[in-house]
Amino acid sequence: MKRMELTLNRMDITEMIVEAKIRKGLKWKDVAAQVGLSKEWVTAGCLGQMTFTEEQAKKIVEIFDLPTEALPHLQVVPYKGSLPTQVPTDPLIYRFYEIVSVYGTTFKELIHEEFGDGIMSAIDYKMDISRLPDPNGDRVQIVLSGKYLAYKTY
């Protein structure tokens, strides 16, 4: 009888990373410091949304004690933007959906007024998430910075 080998997929590896993070008591900022990149980008990569280089993938395998079989999976371009439902059901993620639903036309109008007909890149992009102490309750500050890309005429 032929023995079936267990093969991993990227979702399995993401689950292994999250489990190891919890088990080891790691913080994303500490993982990012070991990789040498921002906590935002490394977290997105560990959650399956970014492609690691071979060197970065080896570091991730080491940090989370992943099997070597995970190494090539961490270097494959993922299917980005994969949520389990079209409208997010997680309350925190839903708030971002709500923000875009309410303010999306405002973002569009003000970006077009300031820059012209184009988009903000999510490829040439930076993000910073930080905590702002406030006597009325701490605030979440999220700074998004994407390169402006104008539509071309042809």
N, C-alpha and C. Protein backbone atom coordinates (compact mmCIF):
# COMPACT_ATOMS: atom_id res chain seq x y z
N MET A 1 0.85 -1.16 0.00
CA MET A 1 0.00 0.00 0.00
C MET A 1 0.90 1.24 0.00
N LYS A 2 0.56 2.20 -0.86
CA LYS A 2 1.33 3.43 -0.98
C LYS A 2 0.98 4.37 0.17
N ARG A 3 2.01 4.92 0.80
CA ARG A 3 1.81 5.83 1.92
C ARG A 3 1.56 7.24 1.40
N MET A 4 0.52 7.89 1.91
CA MET A 4 0.23 9.26 1.52
C MET A 4 1.10 10.21 2.33
N GLU A 5 1.71 11.15 1.64
CA GLU A 5 2.53 12.15 2.33
C GLU A 5 1.67 13.38 2.62
N LEU A 6 1.89 13.92 3.79
CA LEU A 6 1.19 15.13 4.19
C LEU A 6 1.85 16.31 3.50
N THR A 7 1.07 17.09 2.78
CA THR A 7 1.62 18.29 2.14
C THR A 7 0.95 19.51 2.74
N LEU A 8 1.73 20.56 2.84
CA LEU A 8 1.23 21.81 3.40
C LEU A 8 0.80 22.76 2.30
N ASN A 9 -0.13 23.64 2.63
CA ASN A 9 -0.44 24.74 1.74
C ASN A 9 -0.22 26.04 2.52
N ARG A 10 -0.36 27.17 1.87
CA ARG A 10 -0.04 28.45 2.50
C ARG A 10 -0.95 28.74 3.70
N MET A 11 -2.21 28.33 3.61
CA MET A 11 -3.12 28.54 4.75
C MET A 11 -2.68 27.72 5.96
N ASP A 12 -2.21 26.49 5.72
CA ASP A 12 -1.69 25.66 6.82
C ASP A 12 -0.51 26.35 7.49
N ILE A 13 0.37 26.91 6.68
CA ILE A 13 1.57 27.57 7.20
C ILE A 13 1.19 28.81 8.00
N THR A 14 0.21 29.57 7.51
CA THR A 14 -0.26 30.73 8.26
C THR A 14 -0.79 30.30 9.62
N GLU A 15 -1.57 29.24 9.66
CA GLU A 15 -2.10 28.73 10.93
C GLU A 15 -0.97 28.29 11.85
N MET A 16 0.07 27.67 11.29
CA MET A 16 1.22 27.24 12.08
C MET A 16 1.96 28.45 12.66
N ILE A 17 2.08 29.50 11.86
CA ILE A 17 2.74 30.72 12.32
C ILE A 17 1.96 31.33 13.48
N VAL A 18 0.66 31.46 13.33
CA VAL A 18 -0.17 32.06 14.38
C VAL A 18 -0.11 31.20 15.65
N GLU A 19 -0.17 29.90 15.49
CA GLU A 19 -0.10 29.00 16.65
C GLU A 19 1.24 29.15 17.35
N ALA A 20 2.34 29.18 16.59
CA ALA A 20 3.68 29.31 17.18
C ALA A 20 3.84 30.67 17.85
N LYS A 21 3.29 31.71 17.25
CA LYS A 21 3.36 33.05 17.85
C LYS A 21 2.71 33.05 19.23
N ILE A 22 1.56 32.42 19.33
CA ILE A 22 0.85 32.34 20.61
C ILE A 22 1.64 31.49 21.60
N ARG A 23 2.06 30.31 21.15
CA ARG A 23 2.79 29.38 22.01
C ARG A 23 4.07 29.99 22.55
N LYS A 24 4.78 30.74 21.71
CA LYS A 24 6.07 31.34 22.09
C LYS A 24 5.92 32.71 22.74
N GLY A 25 4.70 33.26 22.74
CA GLY A 25 4.48 34.58 23.33
C GLY A 25 5.17 35.70 22.57
N LEU A 26 5.21 35.57 21.24
CA LEU A 26 5.89 36.56 20.41
C LEU A 26 4.99 37.75 20.10
N LYS A 27 5.59 38.88 19.83
CA LYS A 27 4.90 40.08 19.34
C LYS A 27 5.34 40.30 17.90
N TRP A 28 4.42 40.79 17.07
CA TRP A 28 4.74 41.03 15.66
C TRP A 28 5.92 42.00 15.52
N LYS A 29 5.99 43.01 16.37
CA LYS A 29 7.10 43.97 16.27
C LYS A 29 8.44 43.29 16.51
N ASP A 30 8.48 42.28 17.38
CA ASP A 30 9.72 41.56 17.64
C ASP A 30 10.09 40.65 16.46
N VAL A 31 9.09 40.02 15.86
CA VAL A 31 9.33 39.21 14.66
C VAL A 31 9.88 40.10 13.56
N ALA A 32 9.25 41.26 13.36
CA ALA A 32 9.66 42.20 12.32
C ALA A 32 11.10 42.67 12.55
N ALA A 33 11.47 42.92 13.79
CA ALA A 33 12.84 43.37 14.09
C ALA A 33 13.84 42.29 13.69
N GLN A 34 13.49 41.03 13.91
CA GLN A 34 14.39 39.94 13.52
C GLN A 34 14.50 39.80 12.00
N VAL A 35 13.41 40.08 11.31
CA VAL A 35 13.41 40.01 9.83
C VAL A 35 14.05 41.26 9.24
N GLY A 36 13.96 42.39 9.96
CA GLY A 36 14.56 43.64 9.49
C GLY A 36 13.63 44.49 8.63
N LEU A 37 12.32 44.31 8.81
CA LEU A 37 11.32 45.09 8.06
C LEU A 37 10.25 45.59 9.02
N SER A 38 9.30 46.39 8.50
CA SER A 38 8.26 46.96 9.35
C SER A 38 7.34 45.88 9.91
N LYS A 39 6.76 46.17 11.08
CA LYS A 39 5.82 45.22 11.69
C LYS A 39 4.59 45.03 10.81
N GLU A 40 4.20 46.08 10.10
CA GLU A 40 3.02 46.00 9.24
C GLU A 40 3.24 45.04 8.07
N TRP A 41 4.39 45.17 7.40
CA TRP A 41 4.67 44.33 6.23
C TRP A 41 4.92 42.88 6.64
N VAL A 42 5.70 42.69 7.70
CA VAL A 42 6.00 41.32 8.15
C VAL A 42 4.74 40.62 8.63
N THR A 43 3.87 41.34 9.34
CA THR A 43 2.62 40.74 9.78
C THR A 43 1.79 40.32 8.57
N ALA A 44 1.68 41.19 7.58
CA ALA A 44 0.94 40.85 6.36
C ALA A 44 1.55 39.62 5.69
N GLY A 45 2.86 39.55 5.65
CA GLY A 45 3.53 38.39 5.07
C GLY A 45 3.26 37.11 5.84
N CYS A 46 3.35 37.19 7.15
CA CYS A 46 3.09 36.01 7.98
C CYS A 46 1.65 35.55 7.89
N LEU A 47 0.75 36.48 7.62
CA LEU A 47 -0.66 36.14 7.47
C LEU A 47 -1.02 35.76 6.03
N GLY A 48 0.00 35.61 5.19
CA GLY A 48 -0.21 35.08 3.84
C GLY A 48 -0.48 36.10 2.76
N GLN A 49 -0.19 37.38 3.00
CA GLN A 49 -0.53 38.42 2.02
C GLN A 49 0.68 38.99 1.27
N MET A 50 1.89 38.60 1.63
CA MET A 50 3.10 39.12 0.98
C MET A 50 4.04 37.97 0.64
N THR A 51 4.99 38.24 -0.24
CA THR A 51 5.97 37.25 -0.67
C THR A 51 7.30 37.53 0.01
N PHE A 52 7.83 36.55 0.73
CA PHE A 52 9.13 36.69 1.37
C PHE A 52 10.24 36.30 0.40
N THR A 53 11.39 36.94 0.52
CA THR A 53 12.58 36.49 -0.21
C THR A 53 13.04 35.20 0.45
N GLU A 54 14.00 34.52 -0.17
CA GLU A 54 14.51 33.29 0.42
C GLU A 54 15.12 33.55 1.80
N GLU A 55 15.89 34.61 1.92
CA GLU A 55 16.52 34.95 3.20
C GLU A 55 15.46 35.25 4.27
N GLN A 56 14.44 36.03 3.91
CA GLN A 56 13.38 36.35 4.85
C GLN A 56 12.59 35.10 5.23
N ALA A 57 12.30 34.26 4.25
CA ALA A 57 11.55 33.02 4.50
C ALA A 57 12.32 32.11 5.45
N LYS A 58 13.63 32.02 5.27
CA LYS A 58 14.44 31.20 6.19
C LYS A 58 14.35 31.73 7.61
N LYS A 59 14.33 33.03 7.75
CA LYS A 59 14.22 33.65 9.08
C LYS A 59 12.85 33.33 9.69
N ILE A 60 11.81 33.41 8.89
CA ILE A 60 10.46 33.09 9.37
C ILE A 60 10.37 31.63 9.81
N VAL A 61 10.93 30.74 9.01
CA VAL A 61 10.95 29.31 9.36
C VAL A 61 11.67 29.12 10.70
N GLU A 62 12.78 29.81 10.88
CA GLU A 62 13.56 29.72 12.12
C GLU A 62 12.78 30.27 13.32
N ILE A 63 12.23 31.46 13.17
CA ILE A 63 11.52 32.12 14.27
C ILE A 63 10.35 31.27 14.76
N PHE A 64 9.59 30.72 13.83
CA PHE A 64 8.37 30.00 14.18
C PHE A 64 8.54 28.48 14.23
N ASP A 65 9.79 27.99 14.08
CA ASP A 65 10.06 26.55 14.10
C ASP A 65 9.18 25.80 13.09
N LEU A 66 9.12 26.33 11.88
CA LEU A 66 8.31 25.70 10.84
C LEU A 66 9.11 24.59 10.17
N PRO A 67 8.43 23.61 9.57
CA PRO A 67 9.15 22.59 8.82
C PRO A 67 9.78 23.22 7.57
N THR A 68 10.89 22.66 7.11
CA THR A 68 11.56 23.21 5.93
C THR A 68 10.65 23.19 4.71
N GLU A 69 9.65 22.33 4.72
CA GLU A 69 8.67 22.27 3.63
C GLU A 69 7.93 23.60 3.46
N ALA A 70 7.91 24.43 4.52
CA ALA A 70 7.23 25.73 4.46
C ALA A 70 8.01 26.75 3.64
N LEU A 71 9.31 26.57 3.54
CA LEU A 71 10.18 27.57 2.90
C LEU A 71 9.73 27.99 1.50
N PRO A 72 9.48 27.08 0.57
CA PRO A 72 9.06 27.54 -0.76
C PRO A 72 7.68 28.21 -0.77
N HIS A 73 6.80 27.76 0.11
CA HIS A 73 5.46 28.36 0.17
C HIS A 73 5.51 29.83 0.58
N LEU A 74 6.45 30.17 1.46
CA LEU A 74 6.58 31.54 1.92
C LEU A 74 7.11 32.47 0.83
N GLN A 75 7.66 31.87 -0.24
CA GLN A 75 8.26 32.65 -1.34
C GLN A 75 7.37 32.72 -2.58
N VAL A 76 6.18 32.15 -2.51
CA VAL A 76 5.25 32.16 -3.63
C VAL A 76 4.37 33.41 -3.53
N VAL A 77 4.10 34.04 -4.67
CA VAL A 77 3.21 35.20 -4.68
C VAL A 77 1.81 34.73 -4.28
N PRO A 78 1.25 35.30 -3.21
CA PRO A 78 -0.05 34.83 -2.72
C PRO A 78 -1.22 35.45 -3.47
N TYR A 79 -2.37 34.87 -3.25
CA TYR A 79 -3.62 35.48 -3.70
C TYR A 79 -3.95 36.52 -2.66
N LYS A 80 -3.75 37.78 -3.00
CA LYS A 80 -3.90 38.87 -2.02
C LYS A 80 -5.36 39.26 -1.85
N GLY A 81 -5.65 39.78 -0.68
CA GLY A 81 -7.00 40.26 -0.40
C GLY A 81 -7.98 39.15 -0.15
N SER A 82 -7.50 38.02 0.30
CA SER A 82 -8.39 36.88 0.49
C SER A 82 -9.02 36.91 1.87
N LEU A 83 -10.28 37.30 1.93
CA LEU A 83 -11.07 37.22 3.15
C LEU A 83 -12.10 36.11 2.95
N PRO A 84 -12.56 35.52 4.05
CA PRO A 84 -13.50 34.40 3.90
C PRO A 84 -14.88 34.81 3.37
N THR A 85 -15.23 36.10 3.48
CA THR A 85 -16.52 36.56 2.97
C THR A 85 -16.33 37.87 2.22
N GLN A 86 -17.27 38.19 1.32
CA GLN A 86 -17.17 39.43 0.57
C GLN A 86 -17.26 40.65 1.49
N VAL A 87 -18.26 40.69 2.34
CA VAL A 87 -18.37 41.74 3.35
C VAL A 87 -17.79 41.13 4.63
N PRO A 88 -16.72 41.74 5.17
CA PRO A 88 -16.09 41.14 6.35
C PRO A 88 -17.05 41.07 7.53
N THR A 89 -16.95 39.99 8.28
CA THR A 89 -17.81 39.83 9.45
C THR A 89 -17.06 40.11 10.76
N ASP A 90 -15.73 40.09 10.72
CA ASP A 90 -14.97 40.43 11.92
C ASP A 90 -15.20 41.90 12.21
N PRO A 91 -15.58 42.27 13.44
CA PRO A 91 -15.93 43.67 13.74
C PRO A 91 -14.83 44.67 13.42
N LEU A 92 -13.58 44.35 13.71
CA LEU A 92 -12.51 45.32 13.44
C LEU A 92 -12.32 45.50 11.93
N ILE A 93 -12.28 44.40 11.19
CA ILE A 93 -12.10 44.50 9.74
C ILE A 93 -13.33 45.17 9.11
N TYR A 94 -14.51 44.86 9.64
CA TYR A 94 -15.72 45.48 9.12
C TYR A 94 -15.66 47.00 9.24
N ARG A 95 -15.05 47.55 10.29
CA ARG A 95 -14.96 49.00 10.45
C ARG A 95 -14.18 49.63 9.30
N PHE A 96 -13.19 48.95 8.78
CA PHE A 96 -12.46 49.47 7.62
C PHE A 96 -13.36 49.43 6.38
N TYR A 97 -14.14 48.38 6.25
CA TYR A 97 -15.12 48.29 5.16
C TYR A 97 -16.10 49.45 5.28
N GLU A 98 -16.55 49.72 6.52
CA GLU A 98 -17.47 50.81 6.79
C GLU A 98 -16.83 52.16 6.44
N ILE A 99 -15.56 52.34 6.82
CA ILE A 99 -14.85 53.59 6.52
C ILE A 99 -14.81 53.82 5.01
N VAL A 100 -14.48 52.78 4.26
CA VAL A 100 -14.42 52.92 2.80
C VAL A 100 -15.83 53.14 2.23
N SER A 101 -16.82 52.46 2.80
CA SER A 101 -18.20 52.65 2.33
C SER A 101 -18.66 54.09 2.55
N VAL A 102 -18.32 54.67 3.69
CA VAL A 102 -18.76 56.02 4.02
C VAL A 102 -17.86 57.08 3.39
N TYR A 103 -16.54 56.89 3.49
CA TYR A 103 -15.59 57.93 3.07
C TYR A 103 -14.88 57.64 1.74
N GLY A 104 -15.17 56.51 1.12
CA GLY A 104 -14.49 56.16 -0.13
C GLY A 104 -14.66 57.22 -1.21
N THR A 105 -15.86 57.73 -1.36
CA THR A 105 -16.09 58.77 -2.38
C THR A 105 -15.36 60.06 -2.01
N THR A 106 -15.22 60.32 -0.70
CA THR A 106 -14.47 61.49 -0.25
C THR A 106 -12.99 61.32 -0.55
N PHE A 107 -12.44 60.13 -0.26
CA PHE A 107 -11.04 59.86 -0.61
C PHE A 107 -10.83 60.11 -2.09
N LYS A 108 -11.71 59.53 -2.90
CA LYS A 108 -11.60 59.64 -4.36
C LYS A 108 -11.67 61.09 -4.81
N GLU A 109 -12.64 61.81 -4.33
CA GLU A 109 -12.83 63.21 -4.73
C GLU A 109 -11.62 64.07 -4.36
N LEU A 110 -11.15 63.92 -3.12
CA LEU A 110 -10.04 64.76 -2.67
C LEU A 110 -8.71 64.37 -3.32
N ILE A 111 -8.49 63.10 -3.55
CA ILE A 111 -7.27 62.68 -4.26
C ILE A 111 -7.30 63.19 -5.69
N HIS A 112 -8.44 63.08 -6.36
CA HIS A 112 -8.53 63.58 -7.74
C HIS A 112 -8.39 65.10 -7.79
N GLU A 113 -8.95 65.80 -6.82
CA GLU A 113 -8.82 67.25 -6.80
C GLU A 113 -7.36 67.67 -6.61
N GLU A 114 -6.65 66.97 -5.75
CA GLU A 114 -5.26 67.32 -5.43
C GLU A 114 -4.27 66.82 -6.48
N PHE A 115 -4.50 65.60 -7.01
CA PHE A 115 -3.52 64.97 -7.89
C PHE A 115 -3.97 64.82 -9.34
N GLY A 116 -5.26 64.75 -9.58
CA GLY A 116 -5.76 64.48 -10.92
C GLY A 116 -6.34 63.08 -11.00
N ASP A 117 -6.62 62.64 -12.23
CA ASP A 117 -7.24 61.34 -12.45
C ASP A 117 -6.20 60.24 -12.29
N GLY A 118 -6.30 59.49 -11.20
CA GLY A 118 -5.35 58.43 -10.92
C GLY A 118 -5.74 57.67 -9.67
N ILE A 119 -4.80 56.89 -9.18
CA ILE A 119 -5.04 56.06 -8.00
C ILE A 119 -3.89 56.16 -7.02
N MET A 120 -4.13 55.70 -5.80
CA MET A 120 -3.07 55.52 -4.83
C MET A 120 -2.64 54.06 -4.89
N SER A 121 -1.35 53.85 -5.09
CA SER A 121 -0.83 52.49 -5.21
C SER A 121 -0.90 51.75 -3.88
N ALA A 122 -1.24 50.47 -3.95
CA ALA A 122 -1.12 49.59 -2.79
C ALA A 122 0.10 48.69 -2.97
N ILE A 123 0.88 48.97 -4.03
CA ILE A 123 2.12 48.23 -4.28
C ILE A 123 3.31 49.05 -3.81
N ASP A 124 3.41 50.29 -4.28
CA ASP A 124 4.44 51.21 -3.80
C ASP A 124 3.79 51.94 -2.62
N TYR A 125 3.86 51.33 -1.43
CA TYR A 125 2.96 51.65 -0.35
C TYR A 125 3.66 51.48 0.99
N LYS A 126 3.29 52.30 1.94
CA LYS A 126 3.78 52.18 3.31
C LYS A 126 2.60 52.34 4.26
N MET A 127 2.72 51.70 5.43
CA MET A 127 1.68 51.80 6.43
C MET A 127 2.35 51.84 7.80
N ASP A 128 1.78 52.61 8.70
CA ASP A 128 2.27 52.66 10.08
C ASP A 128 1.08 52.66 11.01
N ILE A 129 1.07 51.73 11.94
CA ILE A 129 0.00 51.64 12.93
C ILE A 129 0.62 51.93 14.29
N SER A 130 0.05 52.89 15.00
CA SER A 130 0.60 53.23 16.31
C SER A 130 -0.52 53.57 17.29
N ARG A 131 -0.15 53.56 18.55
CA ARG A 131 -1.08 53.88 19.64
C ARG A 131 -0.83 55.31 20.07
N LEU A 132 -1.89 56.09 20.19
CA LEU A 132 -1.80 57.47 20.67
C LEU A 132 -2.51 57.57 22.01
N PRO A 133 -1.76 57.79 23.08
CA PRO A 133 -2.41 57.95 24.38
C PRO A 133 -3.36 59.15 24.36
N ASP A 134 -4.51 58.97 24.98
CA ASP A 134 -5.51 60.02 25.03
C ASP A 134 -6.27 59.87 26.35
N PRO A 135 -6.48 60.98 27.09
CA PRO A 135 -7.18 60.87 28.37
C PRO A 135 -8.61 60.34 28.24
N ASN A 136 -9.20 60.45 27.06
CA ASN A 136 -10.56 59.95 26.84
C ASN A 136 -10.57 58.52 26.30
N GLY A 137 -9.42 57.88 26.27
CA GLY A 137 -9.29 56.53 25.71
C GLY A 137 -8.28 56.54 24.58
N ASP A 138 -7.32 55.63 24.65
CA ASP A 138 -6.26 55.61 23.64
C ASP A 138 -6.85 55.51 22.23
N ARG A 139 -6.12 56.10 21.29
CA ARG A 139 -6.57 56.14 19.90
C ARG A 139 -5.66 55.28 19.03
N VAL A 140 -6.22 54.73 17.97
CA VAL A 140 -5.46 53.99 16.97
C VAL A 140 -5.14 54.96 15.84
N GLN A 141 -3.87 55.10 15.53
CA GLN A 141 -3.49 55.96 14.39
C GLN A 141 -2.94 55.06 13.29
N ILE A 142 -3.53 55.19 12.12
CA ILE A 142 -3.08 54.42 10.96
C ILE A 142 -2.73 55.42 9.87
N VAL A 143 -1.48 55.37 9.43
CA VAL A 143 -1.02 56.25 8.35
C VAL A 143 -0.79 55.38 7.13
N LEU A 144 -1.49 55.70 6.05
CA LEU A 144 -1.35 54.99 4.78
C LEU A 144 -0.66 55.93 3.80
N SER A 145 0.36 55.45 3.12
CA SER A 145 1.08 56.28 2.17
C SER A 145 1.36 55.46 0.92
N GLY A 146 0.64 55.80 -0.15
CA GLY A 146 0.83 55.09 -1.41
C GLY A 146 1.24 56.05 -2.51
N LYS A 147 2.07 55.58 -3.39
CA LYS A 147 2.50 56.40 -4.53
C LYS A 147 1.29 56.73 -5.40
N TYR A 148 1.25 57.97 -5.88
CA TYR A 148 0.18 58.37 -6.80
C TYR A 148 0.53 57.87 -8.19
N LEU A 149 -0.41 57.24 -8.84
CA LEU A 149 -0.24 56.74 -10.21
C LEU A 149 -1.32 57.36 -11.08
N ALA A 150 -0.91 58.20 -12.00
CA ALA A 150 -1.86 58.86 -12.90
C ALA A 150 -2.27 57.93 -14.03
N TYR A 151 -3.52 58.03 -14.43
CA TYR A 151 -3.95 57.31 -15.63
C TYR A 151 -3.30 57.95 -16.84
N LYS A 152 -2.85 57.15 -17.77
CA LYS A 152 -2.18 57.65 -18.98
C LYS A 152 -3.18 57.73 -20.13
N THR A 153 -2.92 58.67 -21.01
CA THR A 153 -3.72 58.70 -22.25
C THR A 153 -2.93 58.00 -23.33
N TYR A 154 -3.61 57.41 -24.27
CA TYR A 154 -2.95 56.71 -25.38
C TYR A 154 -3.81 56.71 -26.60
